[in-house]
């Protein structure tokens, strides 16, 4: 039985299949030359991996929640975020609709 969490896209088998191309592309960003190729020609790089329209729009919008809905796995999306100098706290802040400082404060408070 699959559990649902309101407002959360569960990364299950269907999402993994849906996001295969997106996640494969993001994994490629482990290599500096691939990050540079993406920055040079984002559209061509997305086409090289066969991203669909939903995934390409999410990439253009730099929106983590859209990327997750398009099948993105947060571990691979972190590679994408790194191209723009963003870290996991930036991504978490975007996911929760908070500023990065507010998100960090929430994490500190939760750790007490």
PDB file of N, CA and C in Angstrom:
ATOM      1  N   UNK A   1       0.837  -1.180   0.000  1.00  0.00           N
ATOM      2  CA  UNK A   1       0.000   0.000   0.000  1.00  0.00           C
ATOM      3  C   UNK A   1       0.887   1.250   0.000  1.00  0.00           C
ATOM      4  N   UNK A   2       0.634   2.139  -0.950  1.00  0.00           N
ATOM      5  CA  UNK A   2       1.439   3.356  -1.044  1.00  0.00           C
ATOM      6  C   UNK A   2       0.868   4.434  -0.141  1.00  0.00           C
ATOM      7  N   UNK A   3       1.745   5.031   0.637  1.00  0.00           N
ATOM      8  CA  UNK A   3       1.357   6.117   1.504  1.00  0.00           C
ATOM      9  C   UNK A   3       1.421   7.430   0.734  1.00  0.00           C
ATOM     10  N   UNK A   4       0.523   8.333   1.031  1.00  0.00           N
ATOM     11  CA  UNK A   4       0.599   9.658   0.423  1.00  0.00           C
ATOM     12  C   UNK A   4       0.823  10.692   1.520  1.00  0.00           C
ATOM     13  N   UNK A   5       1.582  11.680   1.178  1.00  0.00           N
ATOM     14  CA  UNK A   5       1.845  12.804   2.070  1.00  0.00           C
ATOM     15  C   UNK A   5       1.353  14.037   1.341  1.00  0.00           C
ATOM     16  N   UNK A   6       0.359  14.724   1.887  1.00  0.00           N
ATOM     17  CA  UNK A   6      -0.199  15.895   1.190  1.00  0.00           C
ATOM     18  C   UNK A   6       0.888  16.890   0.779  1.00  0.00           C
ATOM     19  N   UNK A   7       0.826  17.320  -0.473  1.00  0.00           N
ATOM     20  CA  UNK A   7       1.762  18.303  -0.995  1.00  0.00           C
ATOM     21  C   UNK A   7       3.117  17.732  -1.376  1.00  0.00           C
ATOM     22  N   UNK A   8       3.249  16.409  -1.332  1.00  0.00           N
ATOM     23  CA  UNK A   8       4.533  15.765  -1.617  1.00  0.00           C
ATOM     24  C   UNK A   8       4.403  14.826  -2.803  1.00  0.00           C
ATOM     25  N   UNK A   9       5.342  14.913  -3.714  1.00  0.00           N
ATOM     26  CA  UNK A   9       5.426  13.959  -4.817  1.00  0.00           C
ATOM     27  C   UNK A   9       6.289  12.802  -4.353  1.00  0.00           C
ATOM     28  N   UNK A  10       5.710  11.633  -4.275  1.00  0.00           N
ATOM     29  CA  UNK A  10       6.457  10.455  -3.844  1.00  0.00           C
ATOM     30  C   UNK A  10       7.339   9.961  -4.998  1.00  0.00           C
ATOM     31  N   UNK A  11       8.583   9.700  -4.706  1.00  0.00           N
ATOM     32  CA  UNK A  11       9.480   9.169  -5.734  1.00  0.00           C
ATOM     33  C   UNK A  11       9.383   7.653  -5.683  1.00  0.00           C
ATOM     34  N   UNK A  12       8.548   7.127  -6.563  1.00  0.00           N
ATOM     35  CA  UNK A  12       8.328   5.687  -6.641  1.00  0.00           C
ATOM     36  C   UNK A  12       8.762   5.195  -8.015  1.00  0.00           C
ATOM     37  N   UNK A  13       8.422   3.969  -8.331  1.00  0.00           N
ATOM     38  CA  UNK A  13       8.824   3.396  -9.615  1.00  0.00           C
ATOM     39  C   UNK A  13       8.317   4.191 -10.806  1.00  0.00           C
ATOM     40  N   UNK A  14       7.069   4.638 -10.727  1.00  0.00           N
ATOM     41  CA  UNK A  14       6.498   5.419 -11.834  1.00  0.00           C
ATOM     42  C   UNK A  14       7.237   6.742 -12.006  1.00  0.00           C
ATOM     43  N   UNK A  15       7.549   7.409 -10.892  1.00  0.00           N
ATOM     44  CA  UNK A  15       8.292   8.671 -10.969  1.00  0.00           C
ATOM     45  C   UNK A  15       9.714   8.434 -11.481  1.00  0.00           C
ATOM     46  N   UNK A  16      10.308   7.310 -11.086  1.00  0.00           N
ATOM     47  CA  UNK A  16      11.659   6.991 -11.549  1.00  0.00           C
ATOM     48  C   UNK A  16      11.674   6.808 -13.062  1.00  0.00           C
ATOM     49  N   UNK A  17      10.668   6.132 -13.585  1.00  0.00           N
ATOM     50  CA  UNK A  17      10.583   5.961 -15.041  1.00  0.00           C
ATOM     51  C   UNK A  17      10.332   7.300 -15.724  1.00  0.00           C
ATOM     52  N   UNK A  18       9.414   8.063 -15.163  1.00  0.00           N
ATOM     53  CA  UNK A  18       9.076   9.366 -15.732  1.00  0.00           C
ATOM     54  C   UNK A  18      10.306  10.282 -15.789  1.00  0.00           C
ATOM     55  N   UNK A  19      11.121  10.236 -14.751  1.00  0.00           N
ATOM     56  CA  UNK A  19      12.248  11.154 -14.654  1.00  0.00           C
ATOM     57  C   UNK A  19      13.586  10.600 -15.107  1.00  0.00           C
ATOM     58  N   UNK A  20      13.575   9.439 -15.737  1.00  0.00           N
ATOM     59  CA  UNK A  20      14.842   8.800 -16.099  1.00  0.00           C
ATOM     60  C   UNK A  20      15.769   9.741 -16.875  1.00  0.00           C
ATOM     61  N   UNK A  21      15.266  10.359 -17.928  1.00  0.00           N
ATOM     62  CA  UNK A  21      16.107  11.239 -18.761  1.00  0.00           C
ATOM     63  C   UNK A  21      16.606  12.447 -17.965  1.00  0.00           C
ATOM     64  N   UNK A  22      15.726  13.039 -17.180  1.00  0.00           N
ATOM     65  CA  UNK A  22      16.088  14.196 -16.360  1.00  0.00           C
ATOM     66  C   UNK A  22      17.173  13.827 -15.352  1.00  0.00           C
ATOM     67  N   UNK A  23      16.989  12.720 -14.669  1.00  0.00           N
ATOM     68  CA  UNK A  23      17.959  12.301 -13.665  1.00  0.00           C
ATOM     69  C   UNK A  23      19.280  11.883 -14.296  1.00  0.00           C
ATOM     70  N   UNK A  24      19.204  11.256 -15.456  1.00  0.00           N
ATOM     71  CA  UNK A  24      20.431  10.882 -16.173  1.00  0.00           C
ATOM     72  C   UNK A  24      21.214  12.137 -16.558  1.00  0.00           C
ATOM     73  N   UNK A  25      20.495  13.163 -17.032  1.00  0.00           N
ATOM     74  CA  UNK A  25      21.150  14.411 -17.387  1.00  0.00           C
ATOM     75  C   UNK A  25      21.792  15.044 -16.153  1.00  0.00           C
ATOM     76  N   UNK A  26      21.044  15.108 -15.058  1.00  0.00           N
ATOM     77  CA  UNK A  26      21.589  15.723 -13.841  1.00  0.00           C
ATOM     78  C   UNK A  26      22.798  14.959 -13.325  1.00  0.00           C
ATOM     79  N   UNK A  27      22.779  13.642 -13.440  1.00  0.00           N
ATOM     80  CA  UNK A  27      23.932  12.840 -13.023  1.00  0.00           C
ATOM     81  C   UNK A  27      25.168  13.206 -13.847  1.00  0.00           C
ATOM     82  N   UNK A  28      24.953  13.550 -15.103  1.00  0.00           N
ATOM     83  CA  UNK A  28      26.080  13.895 -15.969  1.00  0.00           C
ATOM     84  C   UNK A  28      26.825  15.128 -15.470  1.00  0.00           C
ATOM     85  N   UNK A  29      26.183  15.929 -14.635  1.00  0.00           N
ATOM     86  CA  UNK A  29      26.802  17.148 -14.131  1.00  0.00           C
ATOM     87  C   UNK A  29      27.903  16.869 -13.112  1.00  0.00           C
ATOM     88  N   UNK A  30      28.171  15.603 -12.826  1.00  0.00           N
ATOM     89  CA  UNK A  30      29.335  15.262 -12.009  1.00  0.00           C
ATOM     90  C   UNK A  30      30.623  15.682 -12.713  1.00  0.00           C
ATOM     91  N   UNK A  31      30.573  15.747 -14.039  1.00  0.00           N
ATOM     92  CA  UNK A  31      31.756  16.116 -14.825  1.00  0.00           C
ATOM     93  C   UNK A  31      31.709  17.604 -15.185  1.00  0.00           C
ATOM     94  N   UNK A  32      32.800  18.285 -14.928  1.00  0.00           N
ATOM     95  CA  UNK A  32      32.881  19.731 -15.186  1.00  0.00           C
ATOM     96  C   UNK A  32      32.574  20.065 -16.642  1.00  0.00           C
ATOM     97  N   UNK A  33      33.071  19.254 -17.578  1.00  0.00           N
ATOM     98  CA  UNK A  33      32.834  19.551 -18.991  1.00  0.00           C
ATOM     99  C   UNK A  33      31.344  19.486 -19.344  1.00  0.00           C
ATOM    100  N   UNK A  34      30.596  18.647 -18.647  1.00  0.00           N
ATOM    101  CA  UNK A  34      29.156  18.569 -18.897  1.00  0.00           C
ATOM    102  C   UNK A  34      28.430  19.779 -18.312  1.00  0.00           C
ATOM    103  N   UNK A  35      28.862  20.231 -17.153  1.00  0.00           N
ATOM    104  CA  UNK A  35      28.277  21.454 -16.578  1.00  0.00           C
ATOM    105  C   UNK A  35      28.521  22.631 -17.518  1.00  0.00           C
ATOM    106  N   UNK A  36      29.734  22.702 -18.057  1.00  0.00           N
ATOM    107  CA  UNK A  36      30.078  23.785 -18.983  1.00  0.00           C
ATOM    108  C   UNK A  36      29.254  23.695 -20.263  1.00  0.00           C
ATOM    109  N   UNK A  37      29.056  22.499 -20.780  1.00  0.00           N
ATOM    110  CA  UNK A  37      28.251  22.314 -21.998  1.00  0.00           C
ATOM    111  C   UNK A  37      26.809  22.739 -21.756  1.00  0.00           C
ATOM    112  N   UNK A  38      26.274  22.424 -20.586  1.00  0.00           N
ATOM    113  CA  UNK A  38      24.909  22.831 -20.249  1.00  0.00           C
ATOM    114  C   UNK A  38      24.799  24.351 -20.222  1.00  0.00           C
ATOM    115  N   UNK A  39      25.740  25.004 -19.571  1.00  0.00           N
ATOM    116  CA  UNK A  39      25.720  26.468 -19.462  1.00  0.00           C
ATOM    117  C   UNK A  39      25.843  27.112 -20.839  1.00  0.00           C
ATOM    118  N   UNK A  40      26.661  26.527 -21.716  1.00  0.00           N
ATOM    119  CA  UNK A  40      26.840  27.072 -23.073  1.00  0.00           C
ATOM    120  C   UNK A  40      25.568  27.002 -23.889  1.00  0.00           C
ATOM    121  N   UNK A  41      24.855  25.864 -23.823  1.00  0.00           N
ATOM    122  CA  UNK A  41      23.657  25.690 -24.650  1.00  0.00           C
ATOM    123  C   UNK A  41      22.687  24.743 -23.949  1.00  0.00           C
ATOM    124  N   UNK A  42      21.940  25.336 -23.051  1.00  0.00           N
ATOM    125  CA  UNK A  42      21.010  24.584 -22.208  1.00  0.00           C
ATOM    126  C   UNK A  42      20.013  23.767 -23.033  1.00  0.00           C
ATOM    127  N   UNK A  43      19.420  24.383 -24.041  1.00  0.00           N
ATOM    128  CA  UNK A  43      18.411  23.680 -24.852  1.00  0.00           C
ATOM    129  C   UNK A  43      19.010  22.473 -25.564  1.00  0.00           C
ATOM    130  N   UNK A  44      20.186  22.635 -26.138  1.00  0.00           N
ATOM    131  CA  UNK A  44      20.825  21.522 -26.836  1.00  0.00           C
ATOM    132  C   UNK A  44      21.177  20.409 -25.851  1.00  0.00           C
ATOM    133  N   UNK A  45      21.608  20.789 -24.664  1.00  0.00           N
ATOM    134  CA  UNK A  45      21.978  19.779 -23.677  1.00  0.00           C
ATOM    135  C   UNK A  45      20.745  18.989 -23.232  1.00  0.00           C
ATOM    136  N   UNK A  46      19.638  19.676 -23.019  1.00  0.00           N
ATOM    137  CA  UNK A  46      18.390  18.995 -22.651  1.00  0.00           C
ATOM    138  C   UNK A  46      17.929  18.077 -23.781  1.00  0.00           C
ATOM    139  N   UNK A  47      18.059  18.529 -25.002  1.00  0.00           N
ATOM    140  CA  UNK A  47      17.664  17.712 -26.163  1.00  0.00           C
ATOM    141  C   UNK A  47      18.526  16.464 -26.260  1.00  0.00           C
ATOM    142  N   UNK A  48      19.805  16.597 -25.967  1.00  0.00           N
ATOM    143  CA  UNK A  48      20.734  15.466 -26.011  1.00  0.00           C
ATOM    144  C   UNK A  48      20.256  14.323 -25.110  1.00  0.00           C
ATOM    145  N   UNK A  49      19.623  14.669 -23.999  1.00  0.00           N
ATOM    146  CA  UNK A  49      19.143  13.664 -23.052  1.00  0.00           C
ATOM    147  C   UNK A  49      17.669  13.316 -23.247  1.00  0.00           C
ATOM    148  N   UNK A  50      17.013  13.969 -24.196  1.00  0.00           N
ATOM    149  CA  UNK A  50      15.628  13.630 -24.511  1.00  0.00           C
ATOM    150  C   UNK A  50      14.616  14.089 -23.482  1.00  0.00           C
ATOM    151  N   UNK A  51      14.871  15.216 -22.825  1.00  0.00           N
ATOM    152  CA  UNK A  51      13.911  15.722 -21.855  1.00  0.00           C
ATOM    153  C   UNK A  51      12.615  16.109 -22.550  1.00  0.00           C
ATOM    154  N   UNK A  52      11.500  15.844 -21.874  1.00  0.00           N
ATOM    155  CA  UNK A  52      10.199  16.202 -22.438  1.00  0.00           C
ATOM    156  C   UNK A  52       9.886  17.668 -22.127  1.00  0.00           C
ATOM    157  N   UNK A  53       8.759  18.148 -22.634  1.00  0.00           N
ATOM    158  CA  UNK A  53       8.403  19.562 -22.474  1.00  0.00           C
ATOM    159  C   UNK A  53       8.266  19.967 -21.006  1.00  0.00           C
ATOM    160  N   UNK A  54       7.655  19.098 -20.191  1.00  0.00           N
ATOM    161  CA  UNK A  54       7.484  19.397 -18.763  1.00  0.00           C
ATOM    162  C   UNK A  54       8.848  19.541 -18.086  1.00  0.00           C
ATOM    163  N   UNK A  55       9.750  18.639 -18.387  1.00  0.00           N
ATOM    164  CA  UNK A  55      11.075  18.679 -17.787  1.00  0.00           C
ATOM    165  C   UNK A  55      11.869  19.895 -18.255  1.00  0.00           C
ATOM    166  N   UNK A  56      11.771  20.205 -19.539  1.00  0.00           N
ATOM    167  CA  UNK A  56      12.486  21.388 -20.057  1.00  0.00           C
ATOM    168  C   UNK A  56      11.962  22.671 -19.425  1.00  0.00           C
ATOM    169  N   UNK A  57      10.650  22.759 -19.255  1.00  0.00           N
ATOM    170  CA  UNK A  57      10.074  23.955 -18.615  1.00  0.00           C
ATOM    171  C   UNK A  57      10.561  24.070 -17.177  1.00  0.00           C
ATOM    172  N   UNK A  58      10.595  22.964 -16.453  1.00  0.00           N
ATOM    173  CA  UNK A  58      11.057  22.985 -15.064  1.00  0.00           C
ATOM    174  C   UNK A  58      12.529  23.395 -14.990  1.00  0.00           C
ATOM    175  N   UNK A  59      13.329  22.923 -15.931  1.00  0.00           N
ATOM    176  CA  UNK A  59      14.741  23.321 -15.996  1.00  0.00           C
ATOM    177  C   UNK A  59      14.834  24.830 -16.231  1.00  0.00           C
ATOM    178  N   UNK A  60      14.075  25.340 -17.195  1.00  0.00           N
ATOM    179  CA  UNK A  60      14.104  26.786 -17.489  1.00  0.00           C
ATOM    180  C   UNK A  60      13.669  27.613 -16.287  1.00  0.00           C
ATOM    181  N   UNK A  61      12.668  27.111 -15.543  1.00  0.00           N
ATOM    182  CA  UNK A  61      12.140  27.857 -14.396  1.00  0.00           C
ATOM    183  C   UNK A  61      13.022  27.747 -13.157  1.00  0.00           C
ATOM    184  N   UNK A  62      13.960  26.777 -13.166  1.00  0.00           N
ATOM    185  CA  UNK A  62      14.835  26.547 -12.010  1.00  0.00           C
ATOM    186  C   UNK A  62      14.004  26.283 -10.756  1.00  0.00           C
ATOM    187  N   UNK A  63      12.910  25.552 -10.938  1.00  0.00           N
ATOM    188  CA  UNK A  63      11.964  25.330  -9.863  1.00  0.00           C
ATOM    189  C   UNK A  63      12.050  23.881  -9.386  1.00  0.00           C
ATOM    190  N   UNK A  64      12.501  23.694  -8.168  1.00  0.00           N
ATOM    191  CA  UNK A  64      12.719  22.360  -7.625  1.00  0.00           C
ATOM    192  C   UNK A  64      11.420  21.550  -7.566  1.00  0.00           C
ATOM    193  N   UNK A  65      10.336  22.166  -7.130  1.00  0.00           N
ATOM    194  CA  UNK A  65       9.080  21.414  -7.039  1.00  0.00           C
ATOM    195  C   UNK A  65       8.595  20.969  -8.415  1.00  0.00           C
ATOM    196  N   UNK A  66       8.776  21.798  -9.423  1.00  0.00           N
ATOM    197  CA  UNK A  66       8.433  21.394 -10.794  1.00  0.00           C
ATOM    198  C   UNK A  66       9.332  20.254 -11.256  1.00  0.00           C
ATOM    199  N   UNK A  67      10.600  20.342 -10.925  1.00  0.00           N
ATOM    200  CA  UNK A  67      11.545  19.296 -11.317  1.00  0.00           C
ATOM    201  C   UNK A  67      11.194  17.963 -10.654  1.00  0.00           C
ATOM    202  N   UNK A  68      10.808  18.016  -9.389  1.00  0.00           N
ATOM    203  CA  UNK A  68      10.401  16.791  -8.692  1.00  0.00           C
ATOM    204  C   UNK A  68       9.128  16.232  -9.311  1.00  0.00           C
ATOM    205  N   UNK A  69       8.161  17.094  -9.603  1.00  0.00           N
ATOM    206  CA  UNK A  69       6.924  16.642 -10.241  1.00  0.00           C
ATOM    207  C   UNK A  69       7.196  16.032 -11.616  1.00  0.00           C
ATOM    208  N   UNK A  70       8.254  16.493 -12.270  1.00  0.00           N
ATOM    209  CA  UNK A  70       8.619  15.983 -13.600  1.00  0.00           C
ATOM    210  C   UNK A  70       9.444  14.704 -13.522  1.00  0.00           C
ATOM    211  N   UNK A  71       9.587  14.160 -12.301  1.00  0.00           N
ATOM    212  CA  UNK A  71      10.299  12.900 -12.126  1.00  0.00           C
ATOM    213  C   UNK A  71      11.690  13.027 -11.563  1.00  0.00           C
ATOM    214  N   UNK A  72      12.075  14.241 -11.207  1.00  0.00           N
ATOM    215  CA  UNK A  72      13.415  14.444 -10.676  1.00  0.00           C
ATOM    216  C   UNK A  72      13.586  13.862  -9.296  1.00  0.00           C
ATOM    217  N   UNK A  73      14.764  13.311  -9.059  1.00  0.00           N
ATOM    218  CA  UNK A  73      15.144  12.779  -7.754  1.00  0.00           C
ATOM    219  C   UNK A  73      16.053  13.818  -7.109  1.00  0.00           C
ATOM    220  N   UNK A  74      15.775  14.164  -5.868  1.00  0.00           N
ATOM    221  CA  UNK A  74      16.483  15.258  -5.216  1.00  0.00           C
ATOM    222  C   UNK A  74      17.997  15.046  -5.198  1.00  0.00           C
ATOM    223  N   UNK A  75      18.452  13.813  -5.135  1.00  0.00           N
ATOM    224  CA  UNK A  75      19.895  13.560  -5.113  1.00  0.00           C
ATOM    225  C   UNK A  75      20.554  13.941  -6.439  1.00  0.00           C
ATOM    226  N   UNK A  76      19.837  13.734  -7.536  1.00  0.00           N
ATOM    227  CA  UNK A  76      20.354  14.129  -8.843  1.00  0.00           C
ATOM    228  C   UNK A  76      20.127  15.623  -9.076  1.00  0.00           C
ATOM    229  N   UNK A  77      18.995  16.137  -8.599  1.00  0.00           N
ATOM    230  CA  UNK A  77      18.709  17.560  -8.775  1.00  0.00           C
ATOM    231  C   UNK A  77      19.732  18.429  -8.056  1.00  0.00           C
ATOM    232  N   UNK A  78      20.326  17.917  -6.998  1.00  0.00           N
ATOM    233  CA  UNK A  78      21.372  18.669  -6.295  1.00  0.00           C
ATOM    234  C   UNK A  78      22.553  18.939  -7.220  1.00  0.00           C
ATOM    235  N   UNK A  79      22.814  18.031  -8.152  1.00  0.00           N
ATOM    236  CA  UNK A  79      23.888  18.235  -9.136  1.00  0.00           C
ATOM    237  C   UNK A  79      23.544  19.424 -10.033  1.00  0.00           C
ATOM    238  N   UNK A  80      22.280  19.502 -10.432  1.00  0.00           N
ATOM    239  CA  UNK A  80      21.802  20.614 -11.258  1.00  0.00           C
ATOM    240  C   UNK A  80      21.909  21.928 -10.480  1.00  0.00           C
ATOM    241  N   UNK A  81      21.454  21.930  -9.243  1.00  0.00           N
ATOM    242  CA  UNK A  81      21.479  23.143  -8.424  1.00  0.00           C
ATOM    243  C   UNK A  81      22.904  23.640  -8.229  1.00  0.00           C
ATOM    244  N   UNK A  82      23.853  22.714  -8.138  1.00  0.00           N
ATOM    245  CA  UNK A  82      25.246  23.090  -7.933  1.00  0.00           C
ATOM    246  C   UNK A  82      25.821  23.930  -9.058  1.00  0.00           C
ATOM    247  N   UNK A  83      25.284  23.778 -10.264  1.00  0.00           N
ATOM    248  CA  UNK A  83      25.745  24.579 -11.397  1.00  0.00           C
ATOM    249  C   UNK A  83      25.564  26.067 -11.107  1.00  0.00           C
ATOM    250  N   UNK A  84      24.524  26.384 -10.347  1.00  0.00           N
ATOM    251  CA  UNK A  84      24.173  27.777 -10.074  1.00  0.00           C
ATOM    252  C   UNK A  84      24.640  28.231  -8.695  1.00  0.00           C
ATOM    253  N   UNK A  85      25.509  27.417  -8.072  1.00  0.00           N
ATOM    254  CA  UNK A  85      26.041  27.780  -6.770  1.00  0.00           C
ATOM    255  C   UNK A  85      25.058  27.578  -5.634  1.00  0.00           C
ATOM    256  N   UNK A  86      24.040  26.771  -5.856  1.00  0.00           N
ATOM    257  CA  UNK A  86      23.050  26.514  -4.818  1.00  0.00           C
ATOM    258  C   UNK A  86      23.419  25.250  -4.055  1.00  0.00           C
ATOM    259  N   UNK A  87      23.100  25.237  -2.773  1.00  0.00           N
ATOM    260  CA  UNK A  87      23.364  24.049  -1.969  1.00  0.00           C
ATOM    261  C   UNK A  87      22.043  23.424  -1.526  1.00  0.00           C
ATOM    262  N   UNK A  88      22.130  22.380  -0.737  1.00  0.00           N
ATOM    263  CA  UNK A  88      20.936  21.649  -0.317  1.00  0.00           C
ATOM    264  C   UNK A  88      20.006  22.534   0.516  1.00  0.00           C
ATOM    265  N   UNK A  89      20.561  23.468   1.260  1.00  0.00           N
ATOM    266  CA  UNK A  89      19.705  24.367   2.044  1.00  0.00           C
ATOM    267  C   UNK A  89      18.937  25.330   1.134  1.00  0.00           C
ATOM    268  N   UNK A  90      19.544  25.762   0.043  1.00  0.00           N
ATOM    269  CA  UNK A  90      18.822  26.574  -0.934  1.00  0.00           C
ATOM    270  C   UNK A  90      17.643  25.783  -1.498  1.00  0.00           C
ATOM    271  N   UNK A  91      17.907  24.528  -1.831  1.00  0.00           N
ATOM    272  CA  UNK A  91      16.867  23.664  -2.400  1.00  0.00           C
ATOM    273  C   UNK A  91      15.759  23.434  -1.377  1.00  0.00           C
ATOM    274  N   UNK A  92      16.125  23.145  -0.134  1.00  0.00           N
ATOM    275  CA  UNK A  92      15.121  22.934   0.915  1.00  0.00           C
ATOM    276  C   UNK A  92      14.274  24.169   1.142  1.00  0.00           C
ATOM    277  N   UNK A  93      14.896  25.330   1.107  1.00  0.00           N
ATOM    278  CA  UNK A  93      14.153  26.581   1.269  1.00  0.00           C
ATOM    279  C   UNK A  93      13.140  26.752   0.140  1.00  0.00           C
ATOM    280  N   UNK A  94      13.565  26.446  -1.087  1.00  0.00           N
ATOM    281  CA  UNK A  94      12.644  26.564  -2.218  1.00  0.00           C
ATOM    282  C   UNK A  94      11.482  25.579  -2.081  1.00  0.00           C
ATOM    283  N   UNK A  95      11.786  24.363  -1.641  1.00  0.00           N
ATOM    284  CA  UNK A  95      10.746  23.353  -1.493  1.00  0.00           C
ATOM    285  C   UNK A  95       9.697  23.760  -0.460  1.00  0.00           C
ATOM    286  N   UNK A  96      10.124  24.452   0.586  1.00  0.00           N
ATOM    287  CA  UNK A  96       9.213  24.816   1.663  1.00  0.00           C
ATOM    288  C   UNK A  96       8.631  26.219   1.514  1.00  0.00           C
ATOM    289  N   UNK A  97       9.102  26.961   0.516  1.00  0.00           N
ATOM    290  CA  UNK A  97       8.605  28.323   0.314  1.00  0.00           C
ATOM    291  C   UNK A  97       9.166  29.305   1.328  1.00  0.00           C
ATOM    292  N   UNK A  98      10.310  28.956   1.905  1.00  0.00           N
ATOM    293  CA  UNK A  98      10.934  29.813   2.911  1.00  0.00           C
ATOM    294  C   UNK A  98      12.171  30.479   2.320  1.00  0.00           C
ATOM    295  N   UNK A  99      12.649  31.502   3.017  1.00  0.00           N
ATOM    296  CA  UNK A  99      13.958  32.035   2.665  1.00  0.00           C
ATOM    297  C   UNK A  99      15.001  31.037   3.163  1.00  0.00           C
ATOM    298  N   UNK A 100      16.204  31.147   2.644  1.00  0.00           N
ATOM    299  CA  UNK A 100      17.255  30.240   3.091  1.00  0.00           C
ATOM    300  C   UNK A 100      17.550  30.449   4.569  1.00  0.00           C
ATOM    301  N   UNK A 101      17.584  31.716   5.008  1.00  0.00           N
ATOM    302  CA  UNK A 101      17.852  31.986   6.425  1.00  0.00           C
ATOM    303  C   UNK A 101      16.765  31.401   7.319  1.00  0.00           C
ATOM    304  N   UNK A 102      15.502  31.538   6.914  1.00  0.00           N
ATOM    305  CA  UNK A 102      14.403  30.976   7.704  1.00  0.00           C
ATOM    306  C   UNK A 102      14.482  29.450   7.719  1.00  0.00           C
ATOM    307  N   UNK A 103      14.847  28.860   6.587  1.00  0.00           N
ATOM    308  CA  UNK A 103      14.970  27.405   6.509  1.00  0.00           C
ATOM    309  C   UNK A 103      16.091  26.920   7.433  1.00  0.00           C
ATOM    310  N   UNK A 104      17.229  27.611   7.405  1.00  0.00           N
ATOM    311  CA  UNK A 104      18.344  27.240   8.269  1.00  0.00           C
ATOM    312  C   UNK A 104      17.957  27.369   9.741  1.00  0.00           C
ATOM    313  N   UNK A 105      17.245  28.436  10.078  1.00  0.00           N
ATOM    314  CA  UNK A 105      16.798  28.633  11.464  1.00  0.00           C
ATOM    315  C   UNK A 105      15.860  27.510  11.885  1.00  0.00           C
ATOM    316  N   UNK A 106      14.991  27.074  10.988  1.00  0.00           N
ATOM    317  CA  UNK A 106      14.077  25.980  11.285  1.00  0.00           C
ATOM    318  C   UNK A 106      14.868  24.693  11.561  1.00  0.00           C
ATOM    319  N   UNK A 107      15.913  24.443  10.767  1.00  0.00           N
ATOM    320  CA  UNK A 107      16.733  23.250  10.975  1.00  0.00           C
ATOM    321  C   UNK A 107      17.451  23.298  12.321  1.00  0.00           C
ATOM    322  N   UNK A 108      17.978  24.466  12.673  1.00  0.00           N
ATOM    323  CA  UNK A 108      18.668  24.621  13.962  1.00  0.00           C
ATOM    324  C   UNK A 108      17.683  24.367  15.095  1.00  0.00           C
ATOM    325  N   UNK A 109      16.512  24.959  14.999  1.00  0.00           N
ATOM    326  CA  UNK A 109      15.495  24.789  16.050  1.00  0.00           C
ATOM    327  C   UNK A 109      15.061  23.324  16.161  1.00  0.00           C
ATOM    328  N   UNK A 110      14.915  22.649  15.036  1.00  0.00           N
ATOM    329  CA  UNK A 110      14.495  21.246  15.059  1.00  0.00           C
ATOM    330  C   UNK A 110      15.557  20.354  15.678  1.00  0.00           C
ATOM    331  N   UNK A 111      16.816  20.783  15.619  1.00  0.00           N
ATOM    332  CA  UNK A 111      17.906  20.000  16.176  1.00  0.00           C
ATOM    333  C   UNK A 111      18.112  20.171  17.662  1.00  0.00           C
ATOM    334  N   UNK A 112      17.348  21.050  18.269  1.00  0.00           N
ATOM    335  CA  UNK A 112      17.513  21.300  19.721  1.00  0.00           C
ATOM    336  C   UNK A 112      16.795  20.276  20.543  1.00  0.00           C
TER     337      UNK A 112
END
